[in-house]
Amino acid sequence: MAEGACLHLMLDDDLEEIYHARYMEEQAQRAGLRTKLVCGVAGLCWGTASDSNTRVVVDSDGEEVRFVWKTWAWETVFDEYAAQQQ
């Protein structure tokens, strides 16, 4: 990971997932990483990369999502995001 980059920890609103994500967040922070928790995909949207005109996914603060830890399958992420866009 690039210095100063953020690790986005994605989780559902589920007690077990929250527990796992909080644990991973603590360990990542101990390793010196900056983290943000993202519950579901509600705060994610398309944006533009800061160094080009490339479309990227950004979080609710407008920060590019480049590095992700998640408990669910990528298909779940994409399906949930697609359903939200309809």
PDB file of N, CA and C in Angstrom:
ATOM      1  N   MET A   1       0.849  -1.183   0.000  1.00  0.00           N
ATOM      2  CA  MET A   1       0.000   0.000   0.000  1.00  0.00           C
ATOM      3  C   MET A   1       0.884   1.231   0.000  1.00  0.00           C
ATOM      4  N   ALA A   2       0.456   2.221  -0.747  1.00  0.00           N
ATOM      5  CA  ALA A   2       1.173   3.487  -0.784  1.00  0.00           C
ATOM      6  C   ALA A   2       1.069   4.195   0.562  1.00  0.00           C
ATOM      7  N   GLU A   3       2.120   4.885   0.942  1.00  0.00           N
ATOM      8  CA  GLU A   3       2.101   5.609   2.203  1.00  0.00           C
ATOM      9  C   GLU A   3       0.955   6.613   2.219  1.00  0.00           C
ATOM     10  N   GLY A   4       0.204   6.628   3.315  1.00  0.00           N
ATOM     11  CA  GLY A   4      -0.925   7.536   3.448  1.00  0.00           C
ATOM     12  C   GLY A   4      -2.213   7.020   2.843  1.00  0.00           C
ATOM     13  N   ALA A   5      -2.129   5.891   2.115  1.00  0.00           N
ATOM     14  CA  ALA A   5      -3.332   5.317   1.509  1.00  0.00           C
ATOM     15  C   ALA A   5      -4.253   4.793   2.607  1.00  0.00           C
ATOM     16  N   CYS A   6      -5.513   4.655   2.263  1.00  0.00           N
ATOM     17  CA  CYS A   6      -6.519   4.215   3.219  1.00  0.00           C
ATOM     18  C   CYS A   6      -6.982   2.799   2.892  1.00  0.00           C
ATOM     19  N   LEU A   7      -7.127   1.986   3.919  1.00  0.00           N
ATOM     20  CA  LEU A   7      -7.711   0.656   3.780  1.00  0.00           C
ATOM     21  C   LEU A   7      -9.175   0.772   4.160  1.00  0.00           C
ATOM     22  N   HIS A   8     -10.062   0.533   3.205  1.00  0.00           N
ATOM     23  CA  HIS A   8     -11.498   0.562   3.461  1.00  0.00           C
ATOM     24  C   HIS A   8     -11.929  -0.839   3.882  1.00  0.00           C
ATOM     25  N   LEU A   9     -12.533  -0.933   5.063  1.00  0.00           N
ATOM     26  CA  LEU A   9     -13.016  -2.209   5.586  1.00  0.00           C
ATOM     27  C   LEU A   9     -14.523  -2.245   5.378  1.00  0.00           C
ATOM     28  N   MET A  10     -14.974  -3.126   4.500  1.00  0.00           N
ATOM     29  CA  MET A  10     -16.384  -3.196   4.136  1.00  0.00           C
ATOM     30  C   MET A  10     -17.083  -4.280   4.945  1.00  0.00           C
ATOM     31  N   LEU A  11     -18.279  -3.955   5.434  1.00  0.00           N
ATOM     32  CA  LEU A  11     -19.026  -4.888   6.253  1.00  0.00           C
ATOM     33  C   LEU A  11     -20.517  -4.647   6.105  1.00  0.00           C
ATOM     34  N   ASP A  12     -21.298  -5.641   6.501  1.00  0.00           N
ATOM     35  CA  ASP A  12     -22.750  -5.506   6.573  1.00  0.00           C
ATOM     36  C   ASP A  12     -23.117  -5.103   7.988  1.00  0.00           C
ATOM     37  N   ASP A  13     -24.373  -4.712   8.178  1.00  0.00           N
ATOM     38  CA  ASP A  13     -24.874  -4.367   9.499  1.00  0.00           C
ATOM     39  C   ASP A  13     -25.242  -5.655  10.233  1.00  0.00           C
ATOM     40  N   ASP A  14     -24.218  -6.388  10.631  1.00  0.00           N
ATOM     41  CA  ASP A  14     -24.358  -7.690  11.270  1.00  0.00           C
ATOM     42  C   ASP A  14     -23.342  -7.741  12.407  1.00  0.00           C
ATOM     43  N   LEU A  15     -23.755  -8.135  13.598  1.00  0.00           N
ATOM     44  CA  LEU A  15     -22.870  -8.102  14.765  1.00  0.00           C
ATOM     45  C   LEU A  15     -21.573  -8.876  14.565  1.00  0.00           C
ATOM     46  N   GLU A  16     -21.657 -10.050  13.947  1.00  0.00           N
ATOM     47  CA  GLU A  16     -20.444 -10.836  13.727  1.00  0.00           C
ATOM     48  C   GLU A  16     -19.502 -10.127  12.752  1.00  0.00           C
ATOM     49  N   GLU A  17     -20.041  -9.563  11.681  1.00  0.00           N
ATOM     50  CA  GLU A  17     -19.198  -8.844  10.727  1.00  0.00           C
ATOM     51  C   GLU A  17     -18.604  -7.587  11.347  1.00  0.00           C
ATOM     52  N   ILE A  18     -19.384  -6.895  12.163  1.00  0.00           N
ATOM     53  CA  ILE A  18     -18.876  -5.703  12.843  1.00  0.00           C
ATOM     54  C   ILE A  18     -17.706  -6.089  13.742  1.00  0.00           C
ATOM     55  N   TYR A  19     -17.847  -7.184  14.471  1.00  0.00           N
ATOM     56  CA  TYR A  19     -16.776  -7.666  15.337  1.00  0.00           C
ATOM     57  C   TYR A  19     -15.511  -7.940  14.525  1.00  0.00           C
ATOM     58  N   HIS A  20     -15.643  -8.691  13.423  1.00  0.00           N
ATOM     59  CA  HIS A  20     -14.486  -9.029  12.591  1.00  0.00           C
ATOM     60  C   HIS A  20     -13.853  -7.775  11.989  1.00  0.00           C
ATOM     61  N   ALA A  21     -14.682  -6.873  11.489  1.00  0.00           N
ATOM     62  CA  ALA A  21     -14.164  -5.649  10.873  1.00  0.00           C
ATOM     63  C   ALA A  21     -13.443  -4.775  11.896  1.00  0.00           C
ATOM     64  N   ARG A  22     -13.999  -4.653  13.092  1.00  0.00           N
ATOM     65  CA  ARG A  22     -13.337  -3.858  14.143  1.00  0.00           C
ATOM     66  C   ARG A  22     -11.993  -4.474  14.529  1.00  0.00           C
ATOM     67  N   TYR A  23     -11.950  -5.802  14.598  1.00  0.00           N
ATOM     68  CA  TYR A  23     -10.683  -6.476  14.899  1.00  0.00           C
ATOM     69  C   TYR A  23      -9.655  -6.181  13.798  1.00  0.00           C
ATOM     70  N   MET A  24     -10.064  -6.340  12.542  1.00  0.00           N
ATOM     71  CA  MET A  24      -9.149  -6.083  11.428  1.00  0.00           C
ATOM     72  C   MET A  24      -8.725  -4.618  11.395  1.00  0.00           C
ATOM     73  N   GLU A  25      -9.653  -3.720  11.720  1.00  0.00           N
ATOM     74  CA  GLU A  25      -9.334  -2.299  11.774  1.00  0.00           C
ATOM     75  C   GLU A  25      -8.241  -2.036  12.822  1.00  0.00           C
ATOM     76  N   GLU A  26      -8.401  -2.627  13.987  1.00  0.00           N
ATOM     77  CA  GLU A  26      -7.409  -2.445  15.053  1.00  0.00           C
ATOM     78  C   GLU A  26      -6.039  -2.972  14.630  1.00  0.00           C
ATOM     79  N   GLN A  27      -6.017  -4.145  14.006  1.00  0.00           N
ATOM     80  CA  GLN A  27      -4.740  -4.720  13.582  1.00  0.00           C
ATOM     81  C   GLN A  27      -4.093  -3.891  12.474  1.00  0.00           C
ATOM     82  N   ALA A  28      -4.889  -3.411  11.531  1.00  0.00           N
ATOM     83  CA  ALA A  28      -4.354  -2.578  10.451  1.00  0.00           C
ATOM     84  C   ALA A  28      -3.786  -1.278  11.010  1.00  0.00           C
ATOM     85  N   GLN A  29      -4.482  -0.686  11.962  1.00  0.00           N
ATOM     86  CA  GLN A  29      -3.999   0.553  12.575  1.00  0.00           C
ATOM     87  C   GLN A  29      -2.715   0.301  13.359  1.00  0.00           C
ATOM     88  N   ARG A  30      -2.615  -0.834  14.031  1.00  0.00           N
ATOM     89  CA  ARG A  30      -1.378  -1.189  14.731  1.00  0.00           C
ATOM     90  C   ARG A  30      -0.214  -1.319  13.762  1.00  0.00           C
ATOM     91  N   ALA A  31      -0.530  -1.732  12.523  1.00  0.00           N
ATOM     92  CA  ALA A  31       0.499  -1.862  11.487  1.00  0.00           C
ATOM     93  C   ALA A  31       0.803  -0.519  10.818  1.00  0.00           C
ATOM     94  N   GLY A  32       0.125   0.533  11.272  1.00  0.00           N
ATOM     95  CA  GLY A  32       0.402   1.863  10.742  1.00  0.00           C
ATOM     96  C   GLY A  32      -0.463   2.276   9.562  1.00  0.00           C
ATOM     97  N   LEU A  33      -1.531   1.520   9.290  1.00  0.00           N
ATOM     98  CA  LEU A  33      -2.402   1.847   8.165  1.00  0.00           C
ATOM     99  C   LEU A  33      -3.548   2.746   8.612  1.00  0.00           C
ATOM    100  N   ARG A  34      -3.950   3.630   7.730  1.00  0.00           N
ATOM    101  CA  ARG A  34      -5.135   4.460   7.960  1.00  0.00           C
ATOM    102  C   ARG A  34      -6.333   3.666   7.458  1.00  0.00           C
ATOM    103  N   THR A  35      -7.427   3.665   8.224  1.00  0.00           N
ATOM    104  CA  THR A  35      -8.586   2.841   7.873  1.00  0.00           C
ATOM    105  C   THR A  35      -9.881   3.637   7.919  1.00  0.00           C
ATOM    106  N   LYS A  36     -10.875   3.119   7.207  1.00  0.00           N
ATOM    107  CA  LYS A  36     -12.251   3.612   7.280  1.00  0.00           C
ATOM    108  C   LYS A  36     -13.176   2.413   7.198  1.00  0.00           C
ATOM    109  N   LEU A  37     -14.220   2.416   8.022  1.00  0.00           N
ATOM    110  CA  LEU A  37     -15.243   1.379   7.948  1.00  0.00           C
ATOM    111  C   LEU A  37     -16.329   1.827   6.978  1.00  0.00           C
ATOM    112  N   VAL A  38     -16.781   0.904   6.139  1.00  0.00           N
ATOM    113  CA  VAL A  38     -17.854   1.182   5.188  1.00  0.00           C
ATOM    114  C   VAL A  38     -18.915   0.114   5.378  1.00  0.00           C
ATOM    115  N   CYS A  39     -20.091   0.527   5.857  1.00  0.00           N
ATOM    116  CA  CYS A  39     -21.182  -0.411   6.083  1.00  0.00           C
ATOM    117  C   CYS A  39     -22.032  -0.476   4.819  1.00  0.00           C
ATOM    118  N   GLY A  40     -22.059  -1.644   4.180  1.00  0.00           N
ATOM    119  CA  GLY A  40     -22.778  -1.790   2.913  1.00  0.00           C
ATOM    120  C   GLY A  40     -22.098  -0.995   1.820  1.00  0.00           C
ATOM    121  N   VAL A  41     -22.864  -0.611   0.823  1.00  0.00           N
ATOM    122  CA  VAL A  41     -22.302   0.186  -0.273  1.00  0.00           C
ATOM    123  C   VAL A  41     -23.002   1.534  -0.406  1.00  0.00           C
ATOM    124  N   ALA A  42     -23.831   1.879   0.574  1.00  0.00           N
ATOM    125  CA  ALA A  42     -24.626   3.101   0.494  1.00  0.00           C
ATOM    126  C   ALA A  42     -23.782   4.353   0.335  1.00  0.00           C
ATOM    127  N   GLY A  43     -22.596   4.389   0.930  1.00  0.00           N
ATOM    128  CA  GLY A  43     -21.765   5.582   0.849  1.00  0.00           C
ATOM    129  C   GLY A  43     -20.814   5.602  -0.329  1.00  0.00           C
ATOM    130  N   LEU A  44     -20.869   4.587  -1.177  1.00  0.00           N
ATOM    131  CA  LEU A  44     -19.955   4.513  -2.319  1.00  0.00           C
ATOM    132  C   LEU A  44     -20.609   5.054  -3.580  1.00  0.00           C
ATOM    133  N   CYS A  45     -19.820   5.711  -4.402  1.00  0.00           N
ATOM    134  CA  CYS A  45     -20.331   6.200  -5.682  1.00  0.00           C
ATOM    135  C   CYS A  45     -19.163   6.368  -6.653  1.00  0.00           C
ATOM    136  N   TRP A  46     -19.478   6.705  -7.893  1.00  0.00           N
ATOM    137  CA  TRP A  46     -18.444   6.947  -8.895  1.00  0.00           C
ATOM    138  C   TRP A  46     -17.901   8.348  -8.739  1.00  0.00           C
ATOM    139  N   GLY A  47     -16.600   8.482  -8.934  1.00  0.00           N
ATOM    140  CA  GLY A  47     -15.935   9.770  -8.899  1.00  0.00           C
ATOM    141  C   GLY A  47     -14.810   9.771  -9.915  1.00  0.00           C
ATOM    142  N   THR A  48     -13.966  10.764  -9.836  1.00  0.00           N
ATOM    143  CA  THR A  48     -12.835  10.889 -10.757  1.00  0.00           C
ATOM    144  C   THR A  48     -11.548  10.814  -9.963  1.00  0.00           C
ATOM    145  N   ALA A  49     -10.590  10.036 -10.462  1.00  0.00           N
ATOM    146  CA  ALA A  49      -9.294   9.899  -9.791  1.00  0.00           C
ATOM    147  C   ALA A  49      -8.616  11.257  -9.710  1.00  0.00           C
ATOM    148  N   SER A  50      -7.890  11.489  -8.632  1.00  0.00           N
ATOM    149  CA  SER A  50      -7.235  12.777  -8.423  1.00  0.00           C
ATOM    150  C   SER A  50      -6.096  13.020  -9.406  1.00  0.00           C
ATOM    151  N   ASP A  51      -5.526  11.957  -9.978  1.00  0.00           N
ATOM    152  CA  ASP A  51      -4.379  12.122 -10.870  1.00  0.00           C
ATOM    153  C   ASP A  51      -4.710  11.902 -12.347  1.00  0.00           C
ATOM    154  N   SER A  52      -5.998  11.735 -12.663  1.00  0.00           N
ATOM    155  CA  SER A  52      -6.393  11.520 -14.068  1.00  0.00           C
ATOM    156  C   SER A  52      -7.898  11.735 -14.186  1.00  0.00           C
ATOM    157  N   ASN A  53      -8.422  11.504 -15.378  1.00  0.00           N
ATOM    158  CA  ASN A  53      -9.866  11.597 -15.589  1.00  0.00           C
ATOM    159  C   ASN A  53     -10.534  10.228 -15.515  1.00  0.00           C
ATOM    160  N   THR A  54      -9.852   9.263 -14.939  1.00  0.00           N
ATOM    161  CA  THR A  54     -10.361   7.906 -14.813  1.00  0.00           C
ATOM    162  C   THR A  54     -11.478   7.857 -13.774  1.00  0.00           C
ATOM    163  N   ARG A  55     -12.548   7.133 -14.109  1.00  0.00           N
ATOM    164  CA  ARG A  55     -13.641   6.949 -13.136  1.00  0.00           C
ATOM    165  C   ARG A  55     -13.209   5.929 -12.098  1.00  0.00           C
ATOM    166  N   VAL A  56     -13.458   6.254 -10.846  1.00  0.00           N
ATOM    167  CA  VAL A  56     -13.101   5.382  -9.725  1.00  0.00           C
ATOM    168  C   VAL A  56     -14.245   5.362  -8.727  1.00  0.00           C
ATOM    169  N   VAL A  57     -14.222   4.399  -7.826  1.00  0.00           N
ATOM    170  CA  VAL A  57     -15.189   4.356  -6.735  1.00  0.00           C
ATOM    171  C   VAL A  57     -14.644   5.209  -5.597  1.00  0.00           C
ATOM    172  N   VAL A  58     -15.504   6.067  -5.048  1.00  0.00           N
ATOM    173  CA  VAL A  58     -15.110   6.912  -3.922  1.00  0.00           C
ATOM    174  C   VAL A  58     -16.054   6.659  -2.744  1.00  0.00           C
ATOM    175  N   ASP A  59     -15.556   6.964  -1.543  1.00  0.00           N
ATOM    176  CA  ASP A  59     -16.383   6.798  -0.351  1.00  0.00           C
ATOM    177  C   ASP A  59     -17.191   8.064  -0.086  1.00  0.00           C
ATOM    178  N   SER A  60     -17.913   8.092   1.016  1.00  0.00           N
ATOM    179  CA  SER A  60     -18.790   9.221   1.316  1.00  0.00           C
ATOM    180  C   SER A  60     -18.032  10.521   1.565  1.00  0.00           C
ATOM    181  N   ASP A  61     -16.721  10.427   1.812  1.00  0.00           N
ATOM    182  CA  ASP A  61     -15.890  11.619   1.979  1.00  0.00           C
ATOM    183  C   ASP A  61     -15.240  12.049   0.670  1.00  0.00           C
ATOM    184  N   GLY A  62     -15.507  11.309  -0.413  1.00  0.00           N
ATOM    185  CA  GLY A  62     -14.916  11.619  -1.710  1.00  0.00           C
ATOM    186  C   GLY A  62     -13.526  11.032  -1.901  1.00  0.00           C
ATOM    187  N   GLU A  63     -13.103  10.168  -0.980  1.00  0.00           N
ATOM    188  CA  GLU A  63     -11.782   9.546  -1.084  1.00  0.00           C
ATOM    189  C   GLU A  63     -11.850   8.292  -1.940  1.00  0.00           C
ATOM    190  N   GLU A  64     -10.896   8.150  -2.849  1.00  0.00           N
ATOM    191  CA  GLU A  64     -10.855   6.990  -3.727  1.00  0.00           C
ATOM    192  C   GLU A  64     -10.693   5.699  -2.922  1.00  0.00           C
ATOM    193  N   VAL A  65     -11.477   4.691  -3.278  1.00  0.00           N
ATOM    194  CA  VAL A  65     -11.390   3.376  -2.647  1.00  0.00           C
ATOM    195  C   VAL A  65     -10.417   2.544  -3.479  1.00  0.00           C
ATOM    196  N   ARG A  66      -9.216   2.341  -2.941  1.00  0.00           N
ATOM    197  CA  ARG A  66      -8.178   1.604  -3.665  1.00  0.00           C
ATOM    198  C   ARG A  66      -7.849   0.272  -3.018  1.00  0.00           C
ATOM    199  N   PHE A  67      -7.900   0.224  -1.696  1.00  0.00           N
ATOM    200  CA  PHE A  67      -7.536  -0.979  -0.964  1.00  0.00           C
ATOM    201  C   PHE A  67      -8.706  -1.376  -0.073  1.00  0.00           C
ATOM    202  N   VAL A  68      -9.164  -2.642  -0.216  1.00  0.00           N
ATOM    203  CA  VAL A  68     -10.381  -3.088   0.452  1.00  0.00           C
ATOM    204  C   VAL A  68     -10.140  -4.390   1.201  1.00  0.00           C
ATOM    205  N   TRP A  69     -10.689  -4.452   2.393  1.00  0.00           N
ATOM    206  CA  TRP A  69     -10.830  -5.704   3.128  1.00  0.00           C
ATOM    207  C   TRP A  69     -12.328  -5.887   3.317  1.00  0.00           C
ATOM    208  N   LYS A  70     -12.830  -7.082   3.106  1.00  0.00           N
ATOM    209  CA  LYS A  70     -14.265  -7.314   3.231  1.00  0.00           C
ATOM    210  C   LYS A  70     -14.522  -8.743   3.669  1.00  0.00           C
ATOM    211  N   THR A  71     -15.695  -8.965   4.235  1.00  0.00           N
ATOM    212  CA  THR A  71     -16.049 -10.305   4.683  1.00  0.00           C
ATOM    213  C   THR A  71     -16.895 -11.050   3.660  1.00  0.00           C
ATOM    214  N   TRP A  72     -17.464 -10.344   2.685  1.00  0.00           N
ATOM    215  CA  TRP A  72     -18.366 -11.003   1.756  1.00  0.00           C
ATOM    216  C   TRP A  72     -17.755 -11.103   0.367  1.00  0.00           C
ATOM    217  N   ALA A  73     -18.372 -11.941  -0.464  1.00  0.00           N
ATOM    218  CA  ALA A  73     -17.873 -12.197  -1.814  1.00  0.00           C
ATOM    219  C   ALA A  73     -18.011 -10.956  -2.695  1.00  0.00           C
ATOM    220  N   TRP A  74     -17.124 -10.819  -3.673  1.00  0.00           N
ATOM    221  CA  TRP A  74     -17.213  -9.687  -4.601  1.00  0.00           C
ATOM    222  C   TRP A  74     -18.560  -9.645  -5.295  1.00  0.00           C
ATOM    223  N   GLU A  75     -19.140 -10.805  -5.607  1.00  0.00           N
ATOM    224  CA  GLU A  75     -20.448 -10.832  -6.262  1.00  0.00           C
ATOM    225  C   GLU A  75     -21.490 -10.109  -5.407  1.00  0.00           C
ATOM    226  N   THR A  76     -21.410 -10.277  -4.099  1.00  0.00           N
ATOM    227  CA  THR A  76     -22.337  -9.603  -3.194  1.00  0.00           C
ATOM    228  C   THR A  76     -22.157  -8.094  -3.276  1.00  0.00           C
ATOM    229  N   VAL A  77     -20.908  -7.646  -3.304  1.00  0.00           N
ATOM    230  CA  VAL A  77     -20.619  -6.211  -3.407  1.00  0.00           C
ATOM    231  C   VAL A  77     -21.227  -5.654  -4.688  1.00  0.00           C
ATOM    232  N   PHE A  78     -20.936  -6.288  -5.823  1.00  0.00           N
ATOM    233  CA  PHE A  78     -21.402  -5.787  -7.108  1.00  0.00           C
ATOM    234  C   PHE A  78     -22.914  -5.869  -7.236  1.00  0.00           C
ATOM    235  N   ASP A  79     -23.513  -6.960  -6.773  1.00  0.00           N
ATOM    236  CA  ASP A  79     -24.963  -7.114  -6.828  1.00  0.00           C
ATOM    237  C   ASP A  79     -25.655  -6.057  -5.976  1.00  0.00           C
ATOM    238  N   GLU A  80     -25.144  -5.826  -4.784  1.00  0.00           N
ATOM    239  CA  GLU A  80     -25.735  -4.833  -3.885  1.00  0.00           C
ATOM    240  C   GLU A  80     -25.606  -3.416  -4.463  1.00  0.00           C
ATOM    241  N   TYR A  81     -24.441  -3.126  -5.030  1.00  0.00           N
ATOM    242  CA  TYR A  81     -24.230  -1.793  -5.621  1.00  0.00           C
ATOM    243  C   TYR A  81     -25.135  -1.602  -6.840  1.00  0.00           C
ATOM    244  N   ALA A  82     -25.247  -2.614  -7.695  1.00  0.00           N
ATOM    245  CA  ALA A  82     -26.097  -2.515  -8.878  1.00  0.00           C
ATOM    246  C   ALA A  82     -27.559  -2.329  -8.484  1.00  0.00           C
ATOM    247  N   ALA A  83     -28.017  -3.051  -7.484  1.00  0.00           N
ATOM    248  CA  ALA A  83     -29.403  -2.919  -7.027  1.00  0.00           C
ATOM    249  C   ALA A  83     -29.671  -1.523  -6.477  1.00  0.00           C
ATOM    250  N   GLN A  84     -28.703  -0.946  -5.827  1.00  0.00           N
ATOM    251  CA  GLN A  84     -28.862   0.399  -5.252  1.00  0.00           C
ATOM    252  C   GLN A  84     -28.949   1.463  -6.362  1.00  0.00           C
ATOM    253  N   GLN A  85     -28.321   1.219  -7.497  1.00  0.00           N
ATOM    254  CA  GLN A  85     -28.303   2.205  -8.588  1.00  0.00           C
ATOM    255  C   GLN A  85     -29.585   2.225  -9.396  1.00  0.00           C
ATOM    256  N   GLN A  86     -30.455   1.235  -9.212  1.00  0.00           N
ATOM    257  CA  GLN A  86     -31.693   1.153  -9.991  1.00  0.00           C
ATOM    258  C   GLN A  86     -32.765   2.045  -9.441  1.00  0.00           C
TER     259      GLN A  86
END
